[in-house]
Amino acid sequence: MSTSIPRPGDHLPRPHPGVDPASIHIEVEGLLTRARDVTADGGPDPSEIIPRQAQLLEQAHDLLVQALATVDKI
């Protein structure tokens, strides 16, 4: 006789609206790419590079925090 072993989260409905891991991954990757490419576009003054990178990294961080908060509410 074989019984299935319950796994964490198996009882939760799938997919949860508002949480799309692929979409979050794409958005975060886009922000990280833009942060890496700040110096490549030749536009910003060197004194503006680090603040611009910090802004993009903060946006990526906020996106991830929001996604985690949404998952925690499930």
PDB file of N, CA and C in Angstrom:
ATOM      1  N   MET A   1       0.829  -1.173   0.000  1.00  0.00           N
ATOM      2  CA  MET A   1       0.000   0.000   0.000  1.00  0.00           C
ATOM      3  C   MET A   1       0.876   1.240   0.000  1.00  0.00           C
ATOM      4  N   SER A   2       0.598   2.119  -0.922  1.00  0.00           N
ATOM      5  CA  SER A   2       1.423   3.316  -1.067  1.00  0.00           C
ATOM      6  C   SER A   2       0.593   4.570  -0.814  1.00  0.00           C
ATOM      7  N   THR A   3       1.039   5.352   0.119  1.00  0.00           N
ATOM      8  CA  THR A   3       0.376   6.638   0.373  1.00  0.00           C
ATOM      9  C   THR A   3       1.302   7.764  -0.027  1.00  0.00           C
ATOM     10  N   SER A   4       0.702   8.798  -0.570  1.00  0.00           N
ATOM     11  CA  SER A   4       1.525   9.937  -0.976  1.00  0.00           C
ATOM     12  C   SER A   4       1.913  10.750   0.261  1.00  0.00           C
ATOM     13  N   ILE A   5       3.074  11.313   0.189  1.00  0.00           N
ATOM     14  CA  ILE A   5       3.567  12.148   1.275  1.00  0.00           C
ATOM     15  C   ILE A   5       3.227  13.598   0.926  1.00  0.00           C
ATOM     16  N   PRO A   6       2.505  14.292   1.810  1.00  0.00           N
ATOM     17  CA  PRO A   6       2.170  15.691   1.501  1.00  0.00           C
ATOM     18  C   PRO A   6       3.419  16.562   1.511  1.00  0.00           C
ATOM     19  N   ARG A   7       3.461  17.485   0.613  1.00  0.00           N
ATOM     20  CA  ARG A   7       4.585  18.417   0.513  1.00  0.00           C
ATOM     21  C   ARG A   7       4.124  19.804   0.922  1.00  0.00           C
ATOM     22  N   PRO A   8       5.015  20.606   1.461  1.00  0.00           N
ATOM     23  CA  PRO A   8       4.635  21.964   1.849  1.00  0.00           C
ATOM     24  C   PRO A   8       4.063  22.726   0.651  1.00  0.00           C
ATOM     25  N   GLY A   9       2.937  23.353   0.870  1.00  0.00           N
ATOM     26  CA  GLY A   9       2.340  24.159  -0.178  1.00  0.00           C
ATOM     27  C   GLY A   9       1.403  23.416  -1.095  1.00  0.00           C
ATOM     28  N   ASP A  10       1.340  22.086  -0.984  1.00  0.00           N
ATOM     29  CA  ASP A  10       0.465  21.306  -1.855  1.00  0.00           C
ATOM     30  C   ASP A  10      -1.010  21.643  -1.650  1.00  0.00           C
ATOM     31  N   HIS A  11      -1.348  22.104  -0.468  1.00  0.00           N
ATOM     32  CA  HIS A  11      -2.732  22.430  -0.174  1.00  0.00           C
ATOM     33  C   HIS A  11      -3.161  23.787  -0.745  1.00  0.00           C
ATOM     34  N   LEU A  12      -2.208  24.554  -1.217  1.00  0.00           N
ATOM     35  CA  LEU A  12      -2.501  25.886  -1.745  1.00  0.00           C
ATOM     36  C   LEU A  12      -2.994  25.802  -3.183  1.00  0.00           C
ATOM     37  N   PRO A  13      -3.937  26.663  -3.535  1.00  0.00           N
ATOM     38  CA  PRO A  13      -4.399  26.675  -4.932  1.00  0.00           C
ATOM     39  C   PRO A  13      -3.308  27.193  -5.857  1.00  0.00           C
ATOM     40  N   ARG A  14      -3.251  26.678  -7.049  1.00  0.00           N
ATOM     41  CA  ARG A  14      -2.261  27.102  -8.047  1.00  0.00           C
ATOM     42  C   ARG A  14      -2.964  27.580  -9.287  1.00  0.00           C
ATOM     43  N   PRO A  15      -2.476  28.434 -10.058  1.00  0.00           N
ATOM     44  CA  PRO A  15      -1.537  29.488  -9.691  1.00  0.00           C
ATOM     45  C   PRO A  15      -2.251  30.601  -8.940  1.00  0.00           C
ATOM     46  N   HIS A  16      -1.512  31.277  -8.117  1.00  0.00           N
ATOM     47  CA  HIS A  16      -2.080  32.379  -7.349  1.00  0.00           C
ATOM     48  C   HIS A  16      -2.045  33.654  -8.184  1.00  0.00           C
ATOM     49  N   PRO A  17      -3.161  34.347  -8.282  1.00  0.00           N
ATOM     50  CA  PRO A  17      -3.169  35.576  -9.071  1.00  0.00           C
ATOM     51  C   PRO A  17      -2.223  36.619  -8.464  1.00  0.00           C
ATOM     52  N   GLY A  18      -1.501  37.283  -9.301  1.00  0.00           N
ATOM     53  CA  GLY A  18      -0.577  38.317  -8.840  1.00  0.00           C
ATOM     54  C   GLY A  18       0.834  37.830  -8.589  1.00  0.00           C
ATOM     55  N   VAL A  19       1.038  36.536  -8.593  1.00  0.00           N
ATOM     56  CA  VAL A  19       2.369  35.994  -8.367  1.00  0.00           C
ATOM     57  C   VAL A  19       2.734  35.149  -9.583  1.00  0.00           C
ATOM     58  N   ASP A  20       3.546  35.729 -10.433  1.00  0.00           N
ATOM     59  CA  ASP A  20       4.003  35.018 -11.626  1.00  0.00           C
ATOM     60  C   ASP A  20       5.529  35.014 -11.593  1.00  0.00           C
ATOM     61  N   PRO A  21       6.126  33.916 -11.121  1.00  0.00           N
ATOM     62  CA  PRO A  21       7.581  33.873 -10.983  1.00  0.00           C
ATOM     63  C   PRO A  21       8.330  34.229 -12.267  1.00  0.00           C
ATOM     64  N   ALA A  22       7.829  33.785 -13.410  1.00  0.00           N
ATOM     65  CA  ALA A  22       8.522  34.089 -14.670  1.00  0.00           C
ATOM     66  C   ALA A  22       8.523  35.582 -14.935  1.00  0.00           C
ATOM     67  N   SER A  23       7.410  36.226 -14.685  1.00  0.00           N
ATOM     68  CA  SER A  23       7.315  37.674 -14.891  1.00  0.00           C
ATOM     69  C   SER A  23       8.240  38.434 -13.942  1.00  0.00           C
ATOM     70  N   ILE A  24       8.253  38.003 -12.690  1.00  0.00           N
ATOM     71  CA  ILE A  24       9.127  38.643 -11.700  1.00  0.00           C
ATOM     72  C   ILE A  24      10.579  38.451 -12.098  1.00  0.00           C
ATOM     73  N   HIS A  25      10.927  37.263 -12.539  1.00  0.00           N
ATOM     74  CA  HIS A  25      12.300  36.981 -12.964  1.00  0.00           C
ATOM     75  C   HIS A  25      12.694  37.901 -14.118  1.00  0.00           C
ATOM     76  N   ILE A  26      11.820  38.052 -15.092  1.00  0.00           N
ATOM     77  CA  ILE A  26      12.115  38.901 -16.256  1.00  0.00           C
ATOM     78  C   ILE A  26      12.296  40.353 -15.843  1.00  0.00           C
ATOM     79  N   GLU A  27      11.423  40.842 -14.961  1.00  0.00           N
ATOM     80  CA  GLU A  27      11.516  42.235 -14.527  1.00  0.00           C
ATOM     81  C   GLU A  27      12.797  42.489 -13.743  1.00  0.00           C
ATOM     82  N   VAL A  28      13.132  41.586 -12.823  1.00  0.00           N
ATOM     83  CA  VAL A  28      14.349  41.752 -12.025  1.00  0.00           C
ATOM     84  C   VAL A  28      15.586  41.663 -12.924  1.00  0.00           C
ATOM     85  N   GLU A  29      15.602  40.702 -13.839  1.00  0.00           N
ATOM     86  CA  GLU A  29      16.739  40.569 -14.754  1.00  0.00           C
ATOM     87  C   GLU A  29      16.902  41.827 -15.605  1.00  0.00           C
ATOM     88  N   GLY A  30      15.781  42.402 -16.039  1.00  0.00           N
ATOM     89  CA  GLY A  30      15.839  43.646 -16.811  1.00  0.00           C
ATOM     90  C   GLY A  30      16.440  44.787 -16.008  1.00  0.00           C
ATOM     91  N   LEU A  31      16.045  44.906 -14.747  1.00  0.00           N
ATOM     92  CA  LEU A  31      16.601  45.958 -13.894  1.00  0.00           C
ATOM     93  C   LEU A  31      18.088  45.744 -13.647  1.00  0.00           C
ATOM     94  N   LEU A  32      18.487  44.482 -13.425  1.00  0.00           N
ATOM     95  CA  LEU A  32      19.904  44.201 -13.201  1.00  0.00           C
ATOM     96  C   LEU A  32      20.733  44.464 -14.460  1.00  0.00           C
ATOM     97  N   THR A  33      20.180  44.142 -15.606  1.00  0.00           N
ATOM     98  CA  THR A  33      20.874  44.419 -16.865  1.00  0.00           C
ATOM     99  C   THR A  33      21.048  45.915 -17.050  1.00  0.00           C
ATOM    100  N   ARG A  34      19.998  46.665 -16.776  1.00  0.00           N
ATOM    101  CA  ARG A  34      20.096  48.129 -16.893  1.00  0.00           C
ATOM    102  C   ARG A  34      21.124  48.690 -15.917  1.00  0.00           C
ATOM    103  N   ALA A  35      21.220  48.106 -14.716  1.00  0.00           N
ATOM    104  CA  ALA A  35      22.205  48.567 -13.733  1.00  0.00           C
ATOM    105  C   ALA A  35      23.628  48.296 -14.215  1.00  0.00           C
ATOM    106  N   ARG A  36      23.823  47.137 -14.870  1.00  0.00           N
ATOM    107  CA  ARG A  36      25.154  46.822 -15.406  1.00  0.00           C
ATOM    108  C   ARG A  36      25.506  47.707 -16.598  1.00  0.00           C
ATOM    109  N   ASP A  37      24.479  48.085 -17.370  1.00  0.00           N
ATOM    110  CA  ASP A  37      24.711  48.833 -18.605  1.00  0.00           C
ATOM    111  C   ASP A  37      24.729  50.347 -18.429  1.00  0.00           C
ATOM    112  N   VAL A  38      24.629  50.824 -17.206  1.00  0.00           N
ATOM    113  CA  VAL A  38      24.603  52.276 -16.983  1.00  0.00           C
ATOM    114  C   VAL A  38      25.844  52.931 -17.570  1.00  0.00           C
ATOM    115  N   THR A  39      26.985  52.301 -17.447  1.00  0.00           N
ATOM    116  CA  THR A  39      28.225  52.889 -17.959  1.00  0.00           C
ATOM    117  C   THR A  39      28.393  52.662 -19.452  1.00  0.00           C
ATOM    118  N   ALA A  40      27.707  51.675 -19.987  1.00  0.00           N
ATOM    119  CA  ALA A  40      27.890  51.330 -21.396  1.00  0.00           C
ATOM    120  C   ALA A  40      27.218  52.309 -22.343  1.00  0.00           C
ATOM    121  N   ASP A  41      26.153  52.978 -21.871  1.00  0.00           N
ATOM    122  CA  ASP A  41      25.448  53.865 -22.796  1.00  0.00           C
ATOM    123  C   ASP A  41      26.145  55.204 -22.998  1.00  0.00           C
ATOM    124  N   GLY A  42      27.152  55.490 -22.193  1.00  0.00           N
ATOM    125  CA  GLY A  42      27.936  56.705 -22.389  1.00  0.00           C
ATOM    126  C   GLY A  42      27.210  57.982 -22.013  1.00  0.00           C
ATOM    127  N   GLY A  43      25.989  57.877 -21.546  1.00  0.00           N
ATOM    128  CA  GLY A  43      25.192  59.058 -21.248  1.00  0.00           C
ATOM    129  C   GLY A  43      25.492  59.717 -19.908  1.00  0.00           C
ATOM    130  N   PRO A  44      25.442  58.957 -18.821  1.00  0.00           N
ATOM    131  CA  PRO A  44      25.538  59.618 -17.522  1.00  0.00           C
ATOM    132  C   PRO A  44      26.938  60.116 -17.201  1.00  0.00           C
ATOM    133  N   ASP A  45      26.950  61.197 -16.452  1.00  0.00           N
ATOM    134  CA  ASP A  45      28.183  61.738 -15.898  1.00  0.00           C
ATOM    135  C   ASP A  45      28.706  60.692 -14.905  1.00  0.00           C
ATOM    136  N   PRO A  46      30.022  60.498 -14.827  1.00  0.00           N
ATOM    137  CA  PRO A  46      30.553  59.483 -13.904  1.00  0.00           C
ATOM    138  C   PRO A  46      30.057  59.642 -12.461  1.00  0.00           C
ATOM    139  N   SER A  47      29.767  60.862 -12.042  1.00  0.00           N
ATOM    140  CA  SER A  47      29.275  61.061 -10.678  1.00  0.00           C
ATOM    141  C   SER A  47      27.828  60.603 -10.518  1.00  0.00           C
ATOM    142  N   GLU A  48      27.143  60.315 -11.609  1.00  0.00           N
ATOM    143  CA  GLU A  48      25.753  59.871 -11.555  1.00  0.00           C
ATOM    144  C   GLU A  48      25.606  58.357 -11.710  1.00  0.00           C
ATOM    145  N   ILE A  49      26.704  57.667 -12.004  1.00  0.00           N
ATOM    146  CA  ILE A  49      26.635  56.232 -12.267  1.00  0.00           C
ATOM    147  C   ILE A  49      26.194  55.444 -11.035  1.00  0.00           C
ATOM    148  N   ILE A  50      26.871  55.638  -9.912  1.00  0.00           N
ATOM    149  CA  ILE A  50      26.552  54.864  -8.710  1.00  0.00           C
ATOM    150  C   ILE A  50      25.141  55.164  -8.201  1.00  0.00           C
ATOM    151  N   PRO A  51      24.720  56.434  -8.133  1.00  0.00           N
ATOM    152  CA  PRO A  51      23.326  56.674  -7.712  1.00  0.00           C
ATOM    153  C   PRO A  51      22.294  56.030  -8.647  1.00  0.00           C
ATOM    154  N   ARG A  52      22.559  56.036  -9.952  1.00  0.00           N
ATOM    155  CA  ARG A  52      21.628  55.411 -10.899  1.00  0.00           C
ATOM    156  C   ARG A  52      21.593  53.894 -10.711  1.00  0.00           C
ATOM    157  N   GLN A  53      22.770  53.286 -10.512  1.00  0.00           N
ATOM    158  CA  GLN A  53      22.812  51.852 -10.257  1.00  0.00           C
ATOM    159  C   GLN A  53      22.091  51.523  -8.946  1.00  0.00           C
ATOM    160  N   ALA A  54      22.298  52.353  -7.934  1.00  0.00           N
ATOM    161  CA  ALA A  54      21.632  52.132  -6.649  1.00  0.00           C
ATOM    162  C   ALA A  54      20.118  52.210  -6.799  1.00  0.00           C
ATOM    163  N   GLN A  55      19.649  53.150  -7.601  1.00  0.00           N
ATOM    164  CA  GLN A  55      18.211  53.289  -7.828  1.00  0.00           C
ATOM    165  C   GLN A  55      17.641  52.037  -8.507  1.00  0.00           C
ATOM    166  N   LEU A  56      18.332  51.542  -9.510  1.00  0.00           N
ATOM    167  CA  LEU A  56      17.867  50.344 -10.216  1.00  0.00           C
ATOM    168  C   LEU A  56      17.903  49.108  -9.318  1.00  0.00           C
ATOM    169  N   LEU A  57      18.949  48.983  -8.506  1.00  0.00           N
ATOM    170  CA  LEU A  57      19.032  47.854  -7.582  1.00  0.00           C
ATOM    171  C   LEU A  57      17.945  47.935  -6.511  1.00  0.00           C
ATOM    172  N   GLU A  58      17.637  49.146  -6.077  1.00  0.00           N
ATOM    173  CA  GLU A  58      16.566  49.319  -5.101  1.00  0.00           C
ATOM    174  C   GLU A  58      15.210  48.940  -5.702  1.00  0.00           C
ATOM    175  N   GLN A  59      15.004  49.265  -6.964  1.00  0.00           N
ATOM    176  CA  GLN A  59      13.762  48.875  -7.635  1.00  0.00           C
ATOM    177  C   GLN A  59      13.648  47.355  -7.709  1.00  0.00           C
ATOM    178  N   ALA A  60      14.753  46.683  -8.035  1.00  0.00           N
ATOM    179  CA  ALA A  60      14.753  45.215  -8.093  1.00  0.00           C
ATOM    180  C   ALA A  60      14.469  44.636  -6.706  1.00  0.00           C
ATOM    181  N   HIS A  61      15.087  45.213  -5.696  1.00  0.00           N
ATOM    182  CA  HIS A  61      14.867  44.762  -4.326  1.00  0.00           C
ATOM    183  C   HIS A  61      13.399  44.936  -3.931  1.00  0.00           C
ATOM    184  N   ASP A  62      12.827  46.104  -4.222  1.00  0.00           N
ATOM    185  CA  ASP A  62      11.422  46.353  -3.890  1.00  0.00           C
ATOM    186  C   ASP A  62      10.490  45.376  -4.590  1.00  0.00           C
ATOM    187  N   LEU A  63      10.800  45.057  -5.828  1.00  0.00           N
ATOM    188  CA  LEU A  63       9.996  44.102  -6.586  1.00  0.00           C
ATOM    189  C   LEU A  63      10.027  42.723  -5.928  1.00  0.00           C
ATOM    190  N   LEU A  64      11.211  42.297  -5.509  1.00  0.00           N
ATOM    191  CA  LEU A  64      11.341  40.999  -4.846  1.00  0.00           C
ATOM    192  C   LEU A  64      10.657  40.989  -3.485  1.00  0.00           C
ATOM    193  N   VAL A  65      10.785  42.068  -2.738  1.00  0.00           N
ATOM    194  CA  VAL A  65      10.131  42.159  -1.427  1.00  0.00           C
ATOM    195  C   VAL A  65       8.613  42.100  -1.588  1.00  0.00           C
ATOM    196  N   GLN A  66       8.100  42.810  -2.584  1.00  0.00           N
ATOM    197  CA  GLN A  66       6.657  42.803  -2.849  1.00  0.00           C
ATOM    198  C   GLN A  66       6.182  41.393  -3.225  1.00  0.00           C
ATOM    199  N   ALA A  67       6.949  40.706  -4.038  1.00  0.00           N
ATOM    200  CA  ALA A  67       6.583  39.350  -4.427  1.00  0.00           C
ATOM    201  C   ALA A  67       6.583  38.414  -3.216  1.00  0.00           C
ATOM    202  N   LEU A  68       7.578  38.544  -2.363  1.00  0.00           N
ATOM    203  CA  LEU A  68       7.628  37.710  -1.158  1.00  0.00           C
ATOM    204  C   LEU A  68       6.476  38.023  -0.221  1.00  0.00           C
ATOM    205  N   ALA A  69       6.124  39.288  -0.088  1.00  0.00           N
ATOM    206  CA  ALA A  69       5.006  39.676   0.765  1.00  0.00           C
ATOM    207  C   ALA A  69       3.696  39.090   0.218  1.00  0.00           C
ATOM    208  N   THR A  70       3.547  39.084  -1.080  1.00  0.00           N
ATOM    209  CA  THR A  70       2.352  38.513  -1.688  1.00  0.00           C
ATOM    210  C   THR A  70       2.285  37.014  -1.425  1.00  0.00           C
ATOM    211  N   VAL A  71       3.401  36.331  -1.552  1.00  0.00           N
ATOM    212  CA  VAL A  71       3.440  34.889  -1.311  1.00  0.00           C
ATOM    213  C   VAL A  71       3.160  34.585   0.168  1.00  0.00           C
ATOM    214  N   ASP A  72       3.659  35.426   1.068  1.00  0.00           N
ATOM    215  CA  ASP A  72       3.428  35.208   2.498  1.00  0.00           C
ATOM    216  C   ASP A  72       1.953  35.320   2.864  1.00  0.00           C
ATOM    217  N   LYS A  73       1.186  36.073   2.087  1.00  0.00           N
ATOM    218  CA  LYS A  73      -0.239  36.264   2.375  1.00  0.00           C
ATOM    219  C   LYS A  73      -1.084  35.090   1.934  1.00  0.00           C
ATOM    220  N   ILE A  74      -0.502  34.185   1.171  1.00  0.00           N
ATOM    221  CA  ILE A  74      -1.262  33.046   0.654  1.00  0.00           C
ATOM    222  C   ILE A  74      -1.617  32.114   1.794  1.00  0.00           C
TER     223      ILE A  74
END
